[in-house]
N, C-alpha and C. Protein backbone atom coordinates (compact mmCIF):
# COMPACT_ATOMS: atom_id res chain seq x y z
N MET A 1 5.85 39.30 -0.91
CA MET A 1 5.93 38.50 -2.11
C MET A 1 6.50 37.12 -1.74
N LYS A 2 5.82 36.06 -2.24
CA LYS A 2 6.30 34.72 -1.99
C LYS A 2 7.52 34.43 -2.82
N SER A 3 8.44 33.67 -2.25
CA SER A 3 9.58 33.24 -3.03
C SER A 3 9.43 31.76 -3.32
N TYR A 4 9.89 31.34 -4.42
CA TYR A 4 9.79 29.94 -4.83
C TYR A 4 11.16 29.41 -5.25
N ALA A 5 11.36 28.12 -5.02
CA ALA A 5 12.56 27.46 -5.53
C ALA A 5 12.16 26.79 -6.84
N ARG A 6 13.07 26.66 -7.73
CA ARG A 6 12.78 26.06 -9.04
C ARG A 6 13.47 24.72 -9.14
N LEU A 7 12.79 23.77 -9.75
CA LEU A 7 13.35 22.43 -9.99
C LEU A 7 13.17 22.13 -11.48
N THR A 8 14.22 21.72 -12.10
CA THR A 8 14.15 21.34 -13.52
C THR A 8 14.35 19.83 -13.61
N VAL A 9 13.45 19.19 -14.33
CA VAL A 9 13.54 17.74 -14.53
C VAL A 9 13.68 17.45 -16.02
N ASP A 10 14.76 16.81 -16.38
CA ASP A 10 14.96 16.44 -17.77
C ASP A 10 14.29 15.09 -18.02
N MET A 11 13.54 15.03 -19.09
CA MET A 11 12.89 13.78 -19.48
C MET A 11 12.77 13.76 -20.98
N ASN A 12 12.61 12.57 -21.53
CA ASN A 12 12.48 12.50 -22.97
C ASN A 12 11.07 12.93 -23.37
N PRO A 13 10.87 13.27 -24.64
CA PRO A 13 9.55 13.78 -25.06
C PRO A 13 8.40 12.81 -24.81
N GLU A 14 8.67 11.51 -24.87
CA GLU A 14 7.63 10.52 -24.63
C GLU A 14 7.18 10.57 -23.17
N GLU A 15 8.14 10.63 -22.26
CA GLU A 15 7.78 10.71 -20.84
C GLU A 15 7.02 12.01 -20.56
N HIS A 16 7.42 13.09 -21.18
CA HIS A 16 6.71 14.37 -21.02
C HIS A 16 5.27 14.25 -21.49
N THR A 17 5.09 13.58 -22.59
CA THR A 17 3.73 13.38 -23.13
C THR A 17 2.89 12.56 -22.16
N TYR A 18 3.44 11.51 -21.61
CA TYR A 18 2.70 10.68 -20.65
C TYR A 18 2.32 11.48 -19.41
N LEU A 19 3.26 12.26 -18.93
CA LEU A 19 2.98 13.10 -17.75
C LEU A 19 1.88 14.11 -18.03
N LYS A 20 1.94 14.72 -19.22
CA LYS A 20 0.93 15.67 -19.63
C LYS A 20 -0.44 15.03 -19.77
N MET A 21 -0.46 13.83 -20.33
CA MET A 21 -1.73 13.10 -20.50
C MET A 21 -2.34 12.72 -19.16
N ALA A 22 -1.52 12.21 -18.25
CA ALA A 22 -2.01 11.80 -16.94
C ALA A 22 -2.53 13.01 -16.16
N SER A 23 -1.83 14.13 -16.25
CA SER A 23 -2.27 15.34 -15.58
C SER A 23 -3.59 15.82 -16.15
N ALA A 24 -3.72 15.79 -17.46
CA ALA A 24 -4.96 16.23 -18.10
C ALA A 24 -6.13 15.33 -17.69
N GLN A 25 -5.90 14.06 -17.66
CA GLN A 25 -6.99 13.12 -17.28
C GLN A 25 -7.45 13.37 -15.85
N LEU A 26 -6.55 13.83 -14.99
CA LEU A 26 -6.90 14.11 -13.60
C LEU A 26 -7.40 15.53 -13.40
N GLY A 27 -7.24 16.36 -14.43
CA GLY A 27 -7.69 17.74 -14.32
C GLY A 27 -6.78 18.62 -13.49
N VAL A 28 -5.51 18.31 -13.46
CA VAL A 28 -4.55 19.11 -12.69
C VAL A 28 -3.43 19.54 -13.61
N THR A 29 -2.70 20.53 -13.19
CA THR A 29 -1.53 20.95 -13.97
C THR A 29 -0.41 19.93 -13.77
N MET A 30 0.54 19.96 -14.66
CA MET A 30 1.69 19.06 -14.50
C MET A 30 2.45 19.37 -13.20
N ARG A 31 2.53 20.64 -12.85
CA ARG A 31 3.15 21.04 -11.57
C ARG A 31 2.44 20.41 -10.41
N GLU A 32 1.11 20.54 -10.39
CA GLU A 32 0.34 19.97 -9.30
C GLU A 32 0.49 18.47 -9.23
N PHE A 33 0.47 17.81 -10.40
CA PHE A 33 0.63 16.35 -10.44
C PHE A 33 1.96 15.92 -9.87
N VAL A 34 3.02 16.57 -10.31
CA VAL A 34 4.37 16.18 -9.87
C VAL A 34 4.55 16.46 -8.38
N LEU A 35 4.08 17.63 -7.92
CA LEU A 35 4.23 17.92 -6.48
C LEU A 35 3.42 16.96 -5.65
N TRP A 36 2.18 16.69 -6.04
CA TRP A 36 1.34 15.76 -5.30
C TRP A 36 1.98 14.36 -5.24
N ALA A 37 2.47 13.87 -6.40
CA ALA A 37 3.08 12.55 -6.44
C ALA A 37 4.36 12.50 -5.58
N ALA A 38 5.17 13.53 -5.64
CA ALA A 38 6.42 13.56 -4.85
C ALA A 38 6.13 13.57 -3.37
N PHE A 39 5.18 14.38 -2.94
CA PHE A 39 4.87 14.44 -1.51
C PHE A 39 4.11 13.21 -1.04
N LYS A 40 3.33 12.60 -1.89
CA LYS A 40 2.67 11.34 -1.57
C LYS A 40 3.73 10.26 -1.28
N LYS A 41 4.73 10.20 -2.16
CA LYS A 41 5.81 9.23 -1.98
C LYS A 41 6.66 9.57 -0.74
N MET A 42 6.91 10.86 -0.52
CA MET A 42 7.70 11.30 0.61
C MET A 42 7.03 10.91 1.92
N ALA A 43 5.70 10.88 1.95
CA ALA A 43 4.97 10.51 3.16
C ALA A 43 5.23 9.07 3.57
N GLU A 44 5.70 8.26 2.61
CA GLU A 44 5.97 6.84 2.89
C GLU A 44 7.40 6.60 3.41
N ILE A 45 8.23 7.62 3.41
CA ILE A 45 9.64 7.47 3.84
C ILE A 45 9.67 7.18 5.35
N ASP A 46 10.57 6.32 5.74
CA ASP A 46 10.68 5.93 7.13
C ASP A 46 11.50 6.98 7.91
N ASP A 47 11.01 8.19 7.88
CA ASP A 47 11.62 9.30 8.62
C ASP A 47 10.44 10.15 9.10
N GLN A 48 10.17 10.10 10.39
CA GLN A 48 8.95 10.70 10.93
C GLN A 48 8.84 12.18 10.59
N TRP A 49 9.92 12.91 10.71
CA TRP A 49 9.88 14.35 10.44
C TRP A 49 9.49 14.63 8.98
N LEU A 50 10.17 13.94 8.04
CA LEU A 50 9.86 14.09 6.63
C LEU A 50 8.43 13.65 6.31
N SER A 51 8.04 12.54 6.88
CA SER A 51 6.70 12.02 6.68
C SER A 51 5.67 13.03 7.17
N ASP A 52 5.89 13.61 8.36
CA ASP A 52 4.98 14.63 8.88
C ASP A 52 4.91 15.85 7.97
N LYS A 53 6.04 16.31 7.49
CA LYS A 53 6.06 17.47 6.58
C LYS A 53 5.33 17.17 5.32
N ALA A 54 5.50 15.98 4.78
CA ALA A 54 4.79 15.58 3.57
C ALA A 54 3.28 15.56 3.84
N GLY A 55 2.89 15.02 4.98
CA GLY A 55 1.48 14.97 5.35
C GLY A 55 0.87 16.36 5.45
N GLU A 56 1.64 17.32 6.04
CA GLU A 56 1.14 18.69 6.14
C GLU A 56 0.91 19.27 4.74
N THR A 57 1.86 19.03 3.86
CA THR A 57 1.76 19.56 2.48
C THR A 57 0.57 18.93 1.76
N LEU A 58 0.41 17.62 1.90
CA LEU A 58 -0.72 16.94 1.23
C LEU A 58 -2.06 17.45 1.76
N ARG A 59 -2.14 17.72 3.05
CA ARG A 59 -3.40 18.28 3.61
C ARG A 59 -3.65 19.67 3.07
N ARG A 60 -2.59 20.45 2.89
CA ARG A 60 -2.73 21.80 2.29
C ARG A 60 -3.22 21.67 0.85
N PHE A 61 -2.67 20.71 0.10
CA PHE A 61 -3.12 20.48 -1.27
C PHE A 61 -4.61 20.17 -1.28
N GLU A 62 -5.00 19.29 -0.36
CA GLU A 62 -6.42 18.88 -0.31
C GLU A 62 -7.32 20.07 0.03
N ALA A 63 -6.86 20.90 0.97
CA ALA A 63 -7.64 22.08 1.36
C ALA A 63 -7.80 23.06 0.20
N GLN A 64 -6.77 23.11 -0.64
CA GLN A 64 -6.78 24.00 -1.81
C GLN A 64 -7.37 23.32 -3.05
N LYS A 65 -7.82 22.08 -2.86
CA LYS A 65 -8.40 21.30 -3.96
C LYS A 65 -7.43 21.18 -5.16
N ILE A 66 -6.14 20.91 -4.87
CA ILE A 66 -5.21 20.74 -5.97
C ILE A 66 -4.66 19.32 -6.05
N SER A 67 -5.23 18.40 -5.28
CA SER A 67 -4.77 17.02 -5.42
C SER A 67 -5.53 16.37 -6.57
N PRO A 68 -4.93 15.45 -7.27
CA PRO A 68 -5.63 14.78 -8.38
C PRO A 68 -6.96 14.15 -7.97
N GLN A 69 -7.03 13.60 -6.75
CA GLN A 69 -8.29 12.99 -6.33
C GLN A 69 -9.40 14.04 -6.19
N ASP A 70 -9.04 15.22 -5.68
CA ASP A 70 -10.06 16.26 -5.51
C ASP A 70 -10.57 16.75 -6.86
N ARG A 71 -9.67 16.91 -7.80
CA ARG A 71 -10.07 17.38 -9.13
C ARG A 71 -10.92 16.34 -9.82
N LYS A 72 -10.57 15.09 -9.65
CA LYS A 72 -11.34 13.98 -10.26
C LYS A 72 -12.76 13.98 -9.72
N LYS A 73 -12.93 14.17 -8.39
CA LYS A 73 -14.24 14.19 -7.76
C LYS A 73 -15.07 15.36 -8.31
N GLU A 74 -14.46 16.51 -8.49
CA GLU A 74 -15.16 17.70 -8.97
C GLU A 74 -15.68 17.53 -10.37
N SER A 75 -14.95 16.82 -11.20
CA SER A 75 -15.35 16.67 -12.60
C SER A 75 -16.37 15.55 -12.80
N SER A 76 -16.61 14.73 -11.76
CA SER A 76 -17.57 13.63 -11.89
C SER A 76 -19.00 14.10 -11.77
């Protein structure tokens, strides 16, 4: 059985609505959108190890077709 860590993000209702709308437009879940965006930004950090780990995760997302770009391509 896989184990997962949980992250809670507090935001106001308006921010939540925007996040939900952006996710829907890209055809991904809010979880997928947030993870993709976080790891995309993490890949830009000036720390080679973290950047490499982010890159590995982003490639896994792409292989599983869970990145916003992949979903957008599929719906076109």
